[in-house]
C-alpha atoms as a PDB file:
ATOM      1  CA  MET A   1       9.053 -27.039 -16.598  1.00  0.00           C
ATOM      2  CA  ASP A   2      11.562 -26.544 -13.799  1.00  0.00           C
ATOM      3  CA  PRO A   3       9.943 -27.239 -10.376  1.00  0.00           C
ATOM      4  CA  LEU A   4      11.090 -23.883  -8.995  1.00  0.00           C
ATOM      5  CA  ASP A   5       9.588 -22.091 -11.985  1.00  0.00           C
ATOM      6  CA  ARG A   6       6.293 -23.841 -11.231  1.00  0.00           C
ATOM      7  CA  LEU A   7       6.421 -22.641  -7.637  1.00  0.00           C
ATOM      8  CA  ARG A   8       7.230 -19.065  -8.679  1.00  0.00           C
ATOM      9  CA  LEU A   9       4.365 -18.948 -11.157  1.00  0.00           C
ATOM     10  CA  PHE A  10       1.997 -20.476  -8.604  1.00  0.00           C
ATOM     11  CA  ALA A  11       3.096 -17.898  -6.011  1.00  0.00           C
ATOM     12  CA  GLY A  12       2.453 -15.163  -8.563  1.00  0.00           C
ATOM     13  CA  LEU A  13      -1.029 -16.535  -9.180  1.00  0.00           C
ATOM     14  CA  VAL A  14      -1.731 -16.583  -5.438  1.00  0.00           C
ATOM     15  CA  GLY A  15      -0.875 -12.903  -5.236  1.00  0.00           C
ATOM     16  CA  CYS A  16      -2.920 -11.802  -8.255  1.00  0.00           C
ATOM     17  CA  ARG A  17      -5.846 -14.264  -8.030  1.00  0.00           C
ATOM     18  CA  SER A  18      -5.932 -14.101 -11.813  1.00  0.00           C
ATOM     19  CA  PHE A  19      -4.103 -16.195 -14.408  1.00  0.00           C
ATOM     20  CA  ALA A  20      -3.975 -13.299 -16.864  1.00  0.00           C
ATOM     21  CA  GLU A  21      -2.745 -10.762 -14.305  1.00  0.00           C
ATOM     22  CA  ALA A  22      -0.138 -13.192 -12.936  1.00  0.00           C
ATOM     23  CA  GLY A  23       1.185 -13.740 -16.445  1.00  0.00           C
ATOM     24  CA  ARG A  24       1.291 -10.010 -17.120  1.00  0.00           C
ATOM     25  CA  GLN A  25       3.157  -9.203 -13.915  1.00  0.00           C
ATOM     26  CA  MET A  26       5.634 -12.060 -14.354  1.00  0.00           C
ATOM     27  CA  GLY A  27       6.182 -11.479 -18.062  1.00  0.00           C
ATOM     28  CA  VAL A  28       4.895 -14.825 -19.346  1.00  0.00           C
ATOM     29  CA  PRO A  29       1.789 -15.915 -21.292  1.00  0.00           C
ATOM     30  CA  ARG A  30      -1.368 -16.732 -19.340  1.00  0.00           C
ATOM     31  CA  ALA A  31      -1.193 -20.286 -20.692  1.00  0.00           C
ATOM     32  CA  GLN A  32       2.223 -20.769 -19.101  1.00  0.00           C
ATOM     33  CA  VAL A  33       0.844 -19.882 -15.665  1.00  0.00           C
ATOM     34  CA  SER A  34      -2.042 -22.303 -16.186  1.00  0.00           C
ATOM     35  CA  ARG A  35       0.333 -25.060 -17.310  1.00  0.00           C
ATOM     36  CA  ALA A  36       2.577 -24.511 -14.285  1.00  0.00           C
ATOM     37  CA  VAL A  37      -0.374 -24.936 -11.923  1.00  0.00           C
ATOM     38  CA  GLN A  38      -1.585 -28.042 -13.749  1.00  0.00           C
ATOM     39  CA  GLU A  39       1.883 -29.607 -13.571  1.00  0.00           C
ATOM     40  CA  LEU A  40       2.160 -28.739  -9.882  1.00  0.00           C
ATOM     41  CA  GLU A  41      -1.250 -30.290  -9.181  1.00  0.00           C
ATOM     42  CA  LEU A  42      -0.207 -33.425 -11.057  1.00  0.00           C
ATOM     43  CA  ALA A  43       3.116 -33.653  -9.207  1.00  0.00           C
ATOM     44  CA  LEU A  44       1.444 -33.234  -5.799  1.00  0.00           C
ATOM     45  CA  SER A  45      -1.713 -35.231  -6.633  1.00  0.00           C
ATOM     46  CA  VAL A  46      -3.953 -32.496  -5.197  1.00  0.00           C
ATOM     47  CA  ARG A  47      -6.234 -29.820  -6.613  1.00  0.00           C
ATOM     48  CA  LEU A  48      -4.800 -26.417  -5.793  1.00  0.00           C
ATOM     49  CA  VAL A  49      -7.328 -24.054  -7.371  1.00  0.00           C
ATOM     50  CA  HIS A  50     -10.996 -23.921  -8.277  1.00  0.00           C
ATOM     51  CA  ARG A  51     -11.271 -22.431 -11.753  1.00  0.00           C
ATOM     52  CA  SER A  52     -14.245 -20.717 -13.343  1.00  0.00           C
ATOM     53  CA  THR A  53     -14.760 -18.340 -16.233  1.00  0.00           C
ATOM     54  CA  ARG A  54     -14.892 -15.374 -13.825  1.00  0.00           C
ATOM     55  CA  ALA A  55     -12.747 -16.190 -10.835  1.00  0.00           C
ATOM     56  CA  MET A  56     -10.009 -18.341  -9.374  1.00  0.00           C
ATOM     57  CA  HIS A  57     -10.081 -19.528  -5.754  1.00  0.00           C
ATOM     58  CA  LEU A  58      -7.514 -21.546  -3.842  1.00  0.00           C
ATOM     59  CA  THR A  59      -8.645 -24.813  -2.337  1.00  0.00           C
ATOM     60  CA  GLU A  60      -7.887 -25.536   1.300  1.00  0.00           C
ATOM     61  CA  ARG A  61      -4.891 -27.619   0.200  1.00  0.00           C
ATOM     62  CA  GLY A  62      -3.952 -24.858  -2.202  1.00  0.00           C
ATOM     63  CA  GLU A  63      -3.730 -22.362   0.668  1.00  0.00           C
ATOM     64  CA  ALA A  64      -1.411 -24.720   2.551  1.00  0.00           C
ATOM     65  CA  VAL A  65       0.774 -25.326  -0.503  1.00  0.00           C
ATOM     66  CA  ALA A  66       0.950 -21.578  -1.196  1.00  0.00           C
ATOM     67  CA  GLU A  67       2.318 -20.916   2.283  1.00  0.00           C
ATOM     68  CA  ARG A  68       4.912 -23.692   1.972  1.00  0.00           C
ATOM     69  CA  ALA A  69       5.855 -22.562  -1.535  1.00  0.00           C
ATOM     70  CA  ALA A  70       6.502 -19.024  -0.309  1.00  0.00           C
ATOM     71  CA  THR A  71       8.783 -20.376   2.424  1.00  0.00           C
ATOM     72  CA  ILE A  72      10.690 -22.556  -0.044  1.00  0.00           C
ATOM     73  CA  LEU A  73      11.182 -19.675  -2.469  1.00  0.00           C
ATOM     74  CA  ARG A  74      12.476 -17.395   0.282  1.00  0.00           C
ATOM     75  CA  HIS A  75      15.045 -20.030   1.261  1.00  0.00           C
ATOM     76  CA  VAL A  76      16.076 -20.565  -2.355  1.00  0.00           C
ATOM     77  CA  ASP A  77      16.522 -16.837  -2.908  1.00  0.00           C
ATOM     78  CA  ALA A  78      18.530 -16.543   0.303  1.00  0.00           C
ATOM     79  CA  LEU A  79      20.935 -19.221  -0.948  1.00  0.00           C
ATOM     80  CA  GLN A  80      22.076 -16.850  -3.673  1.00  0.00           C
ATOM     81  CA  ASP A  81      23.822 -14.793  -1.017  1.00  0.00           C
ATOM     82  CA  VAL A  82      25.993 -17.794  -0.080  1.00  0.00           C
ATOM     83  CA  THR A  83      28.026 -17.524  -3.282  1.00  0.00           C
ATOM     84  CA  ALA A  84      28.640 -13.794  -2.825  1.00  0.00           C
ATOM     85  CA  PRO A  85      30.146 -11.771   0.018  1.00  0.00           C
ATOM     86  CA  ALA A  86      27.590 -11.301   2.776  1.00  0.00           C
ATOM     87  CA  ASP A  87      27.475  -7.547   2.275  1.00  0.00           C
ATOM     88  CA  VAL A  88      27.032  -7.586  -1.525  1.00  0.00           C
ATOM     89  CA  PRO A  89      23.351  -7.256  -2.573  1.00  0.00           C
ATOM     90  CA  CYS A  90      22.400  -9.695  -5.311  1.00  0.00           C
ATOM     91  CA  GLY A  91      19.614 -12.041  -6.403  1.00  0.00           C
ATOM     92  CA  GLU A  92      15.886 -11.429  -6.708  1.00  0.00           C
ATOM     93  CA  LEU A  93      14.162  -8.802  -4.565  1.00  0.00           C
ATOM     94  CA  ARG A  94      10.347  -8.764  -4.609  1.00  0.00           C
ATOM     95  CA  VAL A  95       8.778  -5.508  -3.413  1.00  0.00           C
ATOM     96  CA  ALA A  96       5.118  -4.465  -3.119  1.00  0.00           C
ATOM     97  CA  ALA A  97       3.783  -0.929  -2.697  1.00  0.00           C
ATOM     98  CA  PRO A  98       0.503   1.024  -2.984  1.00  0.00           C
ATOM     99  CA  ARG A  99      -0.035   2.266  -6.525  1.00  0.00           C
ATOM    100  CA  ASN A 100      -0.022   6.026  -5.831  1.00  0.00           C
ATOM    101  CA  LEU A 101       3.002   6.034  -3.544  1.00  0.00           C
ATOM    102  CA  GLY A 102       4.700   3.445  -5.722  1.00  0.00           C
ATOM    103  CA  GLU A 103       4.448   5.406  -8.948  1.00  0.00           C
ATOM    104  CA  ARG A 104       5.397   8.742  -7.376  1.00  0.00           C
ATOM    105  CA  ALA A 105       8.164   7.692  -4.983  1.00  0.00           C
ATOM    106  CA  ILE A 106       9.060   3.998  -4.889  1.00  0.00           C
ATOM    107  CA  VAL A 107       9.705   3.666  -8.640  1.00  0.00           C
ATOM    108  CA  PRO A 108      12.353   6.429  -8.704  1.00  0.00           C
ATOM    109  CA  ILE A 109      13.869   5.175  -5.444  1.00  0.00           C
ATOM    110  CA  LEU A 110      14.177   1.671  -6.885  1.00  0.00           C
ATOM    111  CA  SER A 111      15.599   3.105 -10.096  1.00  0.00           C
ATOM    112  CA  ALA A 112      18.466   4.619  -8.120  1.00  0.00           C
ATOM    113  CA  PHE A 113      18.809   1.395  -6.120  1.00  0.00           C
ATOM    114  CA  ALA A 114      19.022  -0.698  -9.311  1.00  0.00           C
ATOM    115  CA  ALA A 115      21.719   1.568 -10.727  1.00  0.00           C
ATOM    116  CA  ARG A 116      23.738   1.178  -7.538  1.00  0.00           C
ATOM    117  CA  TYR A 117      23.232  -2.596  -7.243  1.00  0.00           C
ATOM    118  CA  PRO A 118      23.091  -4.058 -10.779  1.00  0.00           C
ATOM    119  CA  ASP A 119      23.248  -7.660  -9.514  1.00  0.00           C
ATOM    120  CA  VAL A 120      19.830  -7.317  -7.846  1.00  0.00           C
ATOM    121  CA  ARG A 121      16.829  -8.401  -9.944  1.00  0.00           C
ATOM    122  CA  LEU A 122      13.961  -6.192  -8.796  1.00  0.00           C
ATOM    123  CA  ARG A 123      10.342  -7.350  -9.024  1.00  0.00           C
ATOM    124  CA  LEU A 124       7.938  -4.528  -8.099  1.00  0.00           C
ATOM    125  CA  THR A 125       4.186  -5.047  -7.696  1.00  0.00           C
ATOM    126  CA  LEU A 126       1.920  -1.994  -7.339  1.00  0.00           C
ATOM    127  CA  ARG A 127      -1.396  -2.810  -5.705  1.00  0.00           C
ATOM    128  CA  ASP A 128      -3.682  -0.847  -3.390  1.00  0.00           C
ATOM    129  CA  ARG A 129      -4.735  -3.802  -1.250  1.00  0.00           C
ATOM    130  CA  PRO A 130      -2.095  -5.054   1.223  1.00  0.00           C
ATOM    131  CA  VAL A 131      -0.198  -8.099  -0.001  1.00  0.00           C
ATOM    132  CA  ARG A 132       0.291 -11.215   2.094  1.00  0.00           C
ATOM    133  CA  LEU A 133       4.053 -11.243   2.347  1.00  0.00           C
ATOM    134  CA  VAL A 134       4.616 -14.846   3.373  1.00  0.00           C
ATOM    135  CA  GLU A 135       1.943 -16.464   1.224  1.00  0.00           C
ATOM    136  CA  GLU A 136       2.775 -14.402  -1.873  1.00  0.00           C
ATOM    137  CA  GLY A 137       6.536 -14.581  -1.525  1.00  0.00           C
ATOM    138  CA  PHE A 138       7.392 -10.886  -1.121  1.00  0.00           C
ATOM    139  CA  ASP A 139      10.630  -9.815   0.526  1.00  0.00           C
ATOM    140  CA  LEU A 140       9.440  -6.336   1.482  1.00  0.00           C
ATOM    141  CA  ALA A 141       6.243  -4.305   1.308  1.00  0.00           C
ATOM    142  CA  ILE A 142       5.592  -0.594   1.687  1.00  0.00           C
ATOM    143  CA  ARG A 143       2.383   0.248   3.550  1.00  0.00           C
ATOM    144  CA  VAL A 144       0.657   3.531   4.360  1.00  0.00           C
ATOM    145  CA  VAL A 145      -1.613   2.545   7.231  1.00  0.00           C
ATOM    146  CA  GLU A 146      -2.388   2.541  10.913  1.00  0.00           C
ATOM    147  CA  LEU A 147      -0.277  -0.579  11.332  1.00  0.00           C
ATOM    148  CA  GLU A 148      -1.939  -3.281  13.407  1.00  0.00           C
ATOM    149  CA  ASP A 149      -0.054  -5.720  15.595  1.00  0.00           C
ATOM    150  CA  SER A 150       1.279  -8.625  13.597  1.00  0.00           C
ATOM    151  CA  GLU A 151       4.142 -11.066  13.408  1.00  0.00           C
ATOM    152  CA  LEU A 152       5.710  -9.024  10.618  1.00  0.00           C
ATOM    153  CA  ILE A 153       8.804  -6.920  11.161  1.00  0.00           C
ATOM    154  CA  ALA A 154       8.009  -3.259  10.496  1.00  0.00           C
ATOM    155  CA  ARG A 155      10.164  -0.143  10.285  1.00  0.00           C
ATOM    156  CA  ARG A 156       8.570   3.290  10.223  1.00  0.00           C
ATOM    157  CA  LEU A 157       9.857   5.365   7.309  1.00  0.00           C
ATOM    158  CA  LEU A 158       7.735   8.490   7.725  1.00  0.00           C
ATOM    159  CA  ARG A 159       4.934   9.862   9.897  1.00  0.00           C
ATOM    160  CA  CYS A 160       2.064  11.451   7.970  1.00  0.00           C
ATOM    161  CA  ARG A 161      -0.547  14.000   8.949  1.00  0.00           C
ATOM    162  CA  VAL A 162      -4.172  13.018   8.440  1.00  0.00           C
ATOM    163  CA  VAL A 163      -6.123  16.051   7.225  1.00  0.00           C
ATOM    164  CA  LEU A 164      -9.873  16.661   6.927  1.00  0.00           C
ATOM    165  CA  CYS A 165     -10.386  18.653   3.749  1.00  0.00           C
ATOM    166  CA  ALA A 166     -12.608  19.552   0.820  1.00  0.00           C
ATOM    167  CA  SER A 167     -12.300  21.392  -2.466  1.00  0.00           C
ATOM    168  CA  PRO A 168     -12.822  25.177  -2.521  1.00  0.00           C
ATOM    169  CA  GLY A 169     -15.737  24.627  -4.913  1.00  0.00           C
ATOM    170  CA  TYR A 170     -17.564  22.311  -2.516  1.00  0.00           C
ATOM    171  CA  LEU A 171     -17.071  24.727   0.386  1.00  0.00           C
ATOM    172  CA  ARG A 172     -18.406  27.629  -1.671  1.00  0.00           C
ATOM    173  CA  ARG A 173     -21.550  25.634  -2.468  1.00  0.00           C
ATOM    174  CA  ALA A 174     -22.164  23.967   0.887  1.00  0.00           C
ATOM    175  CA  GLY A 175     -20.491  26.330   3.320  1.00  0.00           C
ATOM    176  CA  ALA A 176     -17.608  25.466   5.601  1.00  0.00           C
ATOM    177  CA  PRO A 177     -18.368  23.378   8.718  1.00  0.00           C
ATOM    178  CA  GLN A 178     -17.822  25.450  11.852  1.00  0.00           C
ATOM    179  CA  ALA A 179     -17.990  22.580  14.344  1.00  0.00           C
ATOM    180  CA  VAL A 180     -17.535  18.813  14.335  1.00  0.00           C
ATOM    181  CA  ALA A 181     -21.298  18.292  14.692  1.00  0.00           C
ATOM    182  CA  ASP A 182     -21.864  20.191  11.422  1.00  0.00           C
ATOM    183  CA  LEU A 183     -20.291  17.320   9.471  1.00  0.00           C
ATOM    184  CA  ALA A 184     -23.440  15.238   9.977  1.00  0.00           C
ATOM    185  CA  GLU A 185     -25.190  17.638   7.581  1.00  0.00           C
ATOM    186  CA  HIS A 186     -22.491  17.531   4.908  1.00  0.00           C
ATOM    187  CA  ARG A 187     -21.778  15.214   2.020  1.00  0.00           C
ATOM    188  CA  CYS A 188     -18.866  13.050   3.125  1.00  0.00           C
ATOM    189  CA  VAL A 189     -16.323  10.820   1.408  1.00  0.00           C
ATOM    190  CA  VAL A 190     -14.918   7.857   3.385  1.00  0.00           C
ATOM    191  CA  ASP A 191     -11.613   6.046   2.942  1.00  0.00           C
ATOM    192  CA  THR A 192     -12.222   2.579   4.392  1.00  0.00           C
ATOM    193  CA  ASN A 193      -8.504   2.027   5.016  1.00  0.00           C
ATOM    194  CA  TYR A 194      -9.023   3.921   8.284  1.00  0.00           C
ATOM    195  CA  ARG A 195     -10.582   1.852  11.048  1.00  0.00           C
ATOM    196  CA  MET A 196     -12.939   4.604  12.227  1.00  0.00           C
ATOM    197  CA  GLY A 197     -15.089   4.169   9.093  1.00  0.00           C
ATOM    198  CA  SER A 198     -18.039   6.581   9.189  1.00  0.00           C
ATOM    199  CA  ARG A 199     -17.673   7.325  12.922  1.00  0.00           C
ATOM    200  CA  TRP A 200     -15.219  10.205  12.681  1.00  0.00           C
ATOM    201  CA  ARG A 201     -13.223  11.194  15.769  1.00  0.00           C
ATOM    202  CA  PHE A 202     -11.481  14.501  16.417  1.00  0.00           C
ATOM    203  CA  ARG A 203      -9.257  15.934  19.126  1.00  0.00           C
ATOM    204  CA  SER A 204      -8.513  19.422  20.374  1.00  0.00           C
ATOM    205  CA  GLY A 205      -6.045  19.332  23.229  1.00  0.00           C
ATOM    206  CA  ALA A 206      -7.520  16.998  25.837  1.00  0.00           C
ATOM    207  CA  THR A 207     -11.000  17.224  24.291  1.00  0.00           C
ATOM    208  CA  ARG A 208     -12.274  14.403  22.095  1.00  0.00           C
ATOM    209  CA  ARG A 209     -15.312  14.695  19.840  1.00  0.00           C
ATOM    210  CA  ALA A 210     -17.005  12.269  17.462  1.00  0.00           C
ATOM    211  CA  VAL A 211     -19.665  12.440  14.780  1.00  0.00           C
ATOM    212  CA  THR A 212     -21.345   9.794  12.651  1.00  0.00           C
ATOM    213  CA  VAL A 213     -21.438  10.769   8.988  1.00  0.00           C
ATOM    214  CA  ASP A 214     -23.558   9.346   6.192  1.00  0.00           C
ATOM    215  CA  PRO A 215     -21.046   8.934   3.352  1.00  0.00           C
ATOM    216  CA  VAL A 216     -22.113   9.549  -0.220  1.00  0.00           C
ATOM    217  CA  LEU A 217     -18.967   7.887  -1.573  1.00  0.00           C
ATOM    218  CA  THR A 218     -16.884   5.130   0.015  1.00  0.00           C
ATOM    219  CA  CYS A 219     -13.774   3.407  -1.302  1.00  0.00           C
ATOM    220  CA  ASN A 220     -10.693   1.498  -0.168  1.00  0.00           C
ATOM    221  CA  SER A 221      -8.468   3.337  -2.671  1.00  0.00           C
ATOM    222  CA  PRO A 222      -6.814   6.535  -1.372  1.00  0.00           C
ATOM    223  CA  GLU A 223      -6.405   7.754  -4.942  1.00  0.00           C
ATOM    224  CA  ALA A 224     -10.146   7.360  -5.609  1.00  0.00           C
ATOM    225  CA  VAL A 225     -10.943   9.280  -2.405  1.00  0.00           C
ATOM    226  CA  ARG A 226      -8.523  12.020  -3.455  1.00  0.00           C
ATOM    227  CA  ARG A 227     -10.122  12.246  -6.898  1.00  0.00           C
ATOM    228  CA  TRP A 228     -13.640  12.522  -5.424  1.00  0.00           C
ATOM    229  CA  LEU A 229     -12.529  15.253  -3.025  1.00  0.00           C
ATOM    230  CA  LEU A 230     -10.901  17.198  -5.864  1.00  0.00           C
ATOM    231  CA  ASP A 231     -14.091  16.823  -7.908  1.00  0.00           C
ATOM    232  CA  GLY A 232     -16.070  18.507  -5.124  1.00  0.00           C
ATOM    233  CA  HIS A 233     -18.160  15.570  -3.924  1.00  0.00           C
ATOM    234  CA  GLY A 234     -17.836  16.390  -0.235  1.00  0.00           C
ATOM    235  CA  VAL A 235     -15.669  16.482   2.876  1.00  0.00           C
ATOM    236  CA  GLY A 236     -13.257  13.695   3.711  1.00  0.00           C
ATOM    237  CA  PHE A 237      -9.851  12.981   5.139  1.00  0.00           C
ATOM    238  CA  SER A 238      -6.649  11.522   3.800  1.00  0.00           C
ATOM    239  CA  ASN A 239      -2.978  11.696   4.660  1.00  0.00           C
ATOM    240  CA  THR A 240      -0.311  14.005   3.339  1.00  0.00           C
ATOM    241  CA  ILE A 241       1.304  11.265   1.265  1.00  0.00           C
ATOM    242  CA  HIS A 242      -1.748  11.334  -0.989  1.00  0.00           C
ATOM    243  CA  ILE A 243      -2.991  14.932  -0.739  1.00  0.00           C
ATOM    244  CA  GLY A 244       0.028  16.978   0.344  1.00  0.00           C
ATOM    245  CA  ASP A 245       0.570  18.478  -3.119  1.00  0.00           C
ATOM    246  CA  ASP A 246      -3.129  19.341  -3.395  1.00  0.00           C
ATOM    247  CA  LEU A 247      -3.122  21.105  -0.014  1.00  0.00           C
ATOM    248  CA  ARG A 248      -0.013  23.098  -0.848  1.00  0.00           C
ATOM    249  CA  ALA A 249      -1.486  24.141  -4.207  1.00  0.00           C
ATOM    250  CA  GLY A 250      -4.891  25.046  -2.731  1.00  0.00           C
ATOM    251  CA  ARG A 251      -6.766  22.418  -4.746  1.00  0.00           C
ATOM    252  CA  LEU A 252      -7.908  21.034  -1.389  1.00  0.00           C
ATOM    253  CA  VAL A 253      -8.443  23.104   1.760  1.00  0.00           C
ATOM    254  CA  PRO A 254      -8.214  21.931   5.398  1.00  0.00           C
ATOM    255  CA  VAL A 255     -11.558  21.821   7.229  1.00  0.00           C
ATOM    256  CA  LEU A 256     -11.837  22.375  11.014  1.00  0.00           C
ATOM    257  CA  PRO A 257      -8.047  22.794  11.373  1.00  0.00           C
ATOM    258  CA  ASP A 258      -8.421  23.499  15.107  1.00  0.00           C
ATOM    259  CA  SER A 259      -9.937  20.017  15.621  1.00  0.00           C
ATOM    260  CA  PRO A 260      -7.537  17.585  13.934  1.00  0.00           C
ATOM    261  CA  VAL A 261      -8.710  14.132  12.897  1.00  0.00           C
ATOM    262  CA  ASP A 262      -7.925  11.604  15.635  1.00  0.00           C
ATOM    263  CA  ALA A 263      -6.164   9.215  13.269  1.00  0.00           C
ATOM    264  CA  ARG A 264      -2.590   8.353  12.494  1.00  0.00           C
ATOM    265  CA  ALA A 265      -0.885   7.175   9.369  1.00  0.00           C
ATOM    266  CA  SER A 266       2.704   6.284   8.671  1.00  0.00           C
ATOM    267  CA  VAL A 267       4.714   4.844   5.843  1.00  0.00           C
ATOM    268  CA  TRP A 268       6.130   1.482   6.884  1.00  0.00           C
ATOM    269  CA  ALA A 269       8.587  -0.950   5.360  1.00  0.00           C
ATOM    270  CA  VAL A 270       7.467  -4.444   6.318  1.00  0.00           C
ATOM    271  CA  THR A 271       9.386  -7.712   6.010  1.00  0.00           C
ATOM    272  CA  PRO A 272       8.263 -11.257   6.852  1.00  0.00           C
ATOM    273  CA  SER A 273      10.975 -12.132   9.368  1.00  0.00           C
ATOM    274  CA  ARG A 274      14.326 -11.183  10.827  1.00  0.00           C
ATOM    275  CA  ARG A 275      15.675 -14.539   9.666  1.00  0.00           C
ATOM    276  CA  LEU A 276      17.154 -15.017   6.201  1.00  0.00           C
ATOM    277  CA  VAL A 277      17.176 -11.302   5.460  1.00  0.00           C
ATOM    278  CA  SER A 278      19.197 -10.936   2.275  1.00  0.00           C
ATOM    279  CA  ALA A 279      21.850  -8.317   1.656  1.00  0.00           C
ATOM    280  CA  ALA A 280      19.532  -6.780  -0.954  1.00  0.00           C
ATOM    281  CA  VAL A 281      16.753  -6.295   1.612  1.00  0.00           C
ATOM    282  CA  ARG A 282      19.194  -4.811   4.125  1.00  0.00           C
ATOM    283  CA  ALA A 283      20.554  -2.404   1.522  1.00  0.00           C
ATOM    284  CA  LEU A 284      17.089  -1.252   0.476  1.00  0.00           C
ATOM    285  CA  MET A 285      15.950  -0.863   4.084  1.00  0.00           C
ATOM    286  CA  ALA A 286      18.967   1.347   4.738  1.00  0.00           C
ATOM    287  CA  GLN A 287      18.158   3.562   1.749  1.00  0.00           C
ATOM    288  CA  LEU A 288      14.389   3.916   2.150  1.00  0.00           C
ATOM    289  CA  PRO A 289      13.947   6.249   5.176  1.00  0.00           C
ATOM    290  CA  GLY A 290      16.067   9.105   3.862  1.00  0.00           C
ATOM    291  CA  ALA A 291      14.761   8.735   0.318  1.00  0.00           C
ATOM    292  CA  ILE A 292      11.093   8.756   1.392  1.00  0.00           C
ATOM    293  CA  GLN A 293      11.523  11.684   3.784  1.00  0.00           C
ATOM    294  CA  ALA A 294      13.269  13.719   1.084  1.00  0.00           C
ATOM    295  CA  ARG A 295      10.300  13.234  -1.263  1.00  0.00           C
ATOM    296  CA  TYR A 296       7.584  14.010   1.306  1.00  0.00           C
ATOM    297  CA  PRO A 297       8.542  17.062   3.407  1.00  0.00           C
ATOM    298  CA  TYR A 298       4.887  18.115   3.845  1.00  0.00           C
ATOM    299  CA  ASP A 299       4.597  17.634   7.589  1.00  0.00           C
ATOM    300  CA  THR A 300       7.225  20.307   8.236  1.00  0.00           C
ATOM    301  CA  THR A 301       6.411  22.714   5.393  1.00  0.00           C
ATOM    302  CA  LEU A 302       2.639  22.533   4.996  1.00  0.00           C
ATOM    303  CA  GLU A 303       0.827  25.479   6.560  1.00  0.00           C
ATOM    304  CA  PRO A 304      -3.002  25.384   6.513  1.00  0.00           C
ATOM    305  CA  PRO A 305      -4.423  28.418   4.717  1.00  0.00           C
ATOM    306  CA  ASP A 306      -6.512  30.939   6.626  1.00  0.00           C
ATOM    307  CA  PRO A 307     -10.007  29.353   6.943  1.00  0.00           C
ATOM    308  CA  GLY A 308     -11.503  32.725   6.072  1.00  0.00           C
ATOM    309  CA  GLN A 309     -10.067  32.471   2.582  1.00  0.00           C
ATOM    310  CA  ILE A 310     -11.937  29.357   1.534  1.00  0.00           C
ATOM    311  CA  LEU A 311     -15.215  31.069   0.706  1.00  0.00           C
ATOM    312  CA  VAL A 312     -13.713  33.770  -1.497  1.00  0.00           C
END
């Protein structure tokens, strides 16, 4: 097997932490991924992974090799630009995005991008947990988060509103909270992607309030939180990327609209470094802001319904 193919399959395994999933995402049999890792271990004379029937874990040396492999693959991919004009996108472009946003927005955006730049080989991974760009060999990732400081290069594509809400059915049964303190008596759903956890903070002008809730359901998947809210399991908050359509349609209703959640969320495009940025990455980065904003106009068009209507 070609040494670069081994490195690519190993990098895919690092990202998925599963031989079967790595094979599925890279379009090869599971056995081929396993063979690539075995050949790489033999060539380097080190054990890279601990294997078991249920899980795969990188060894300490495996972690180091994964980081070096990602760097090598980025350099190899960047070399493809040398044989083409500097402003012509070509070669492989690996992109990661959250599943919900990816399926609804990134897939059609990349479809248009692929039609415009047929010499670019797109590799899209949809995954709710954030990918490790350098270690897993991604060129660009889309994130919907309160972005923490990091060494990554980030460009904001869209600001989102974070909205506390519930289904009309839940509010009919439990009553609508009239004050922040009332939330302590309600069933609550928590999205753990927000750092505040179960200590919810709110603001009204210069006034800040907080309440500790006892969540009945907790998850790190925004889509799961959305589903639980729609099913009437309680009160929770999410951003307009995930629940904008539901708010506009009345399937979810804002709660305590005069005391907004003290949280921020934005859609970011993140790249590992300013160095060796390919023409394909530059072209996609130029296209993303306008395309994302055109698909998510909620922050300028969404008007909270009259709170008095929610108990009808």
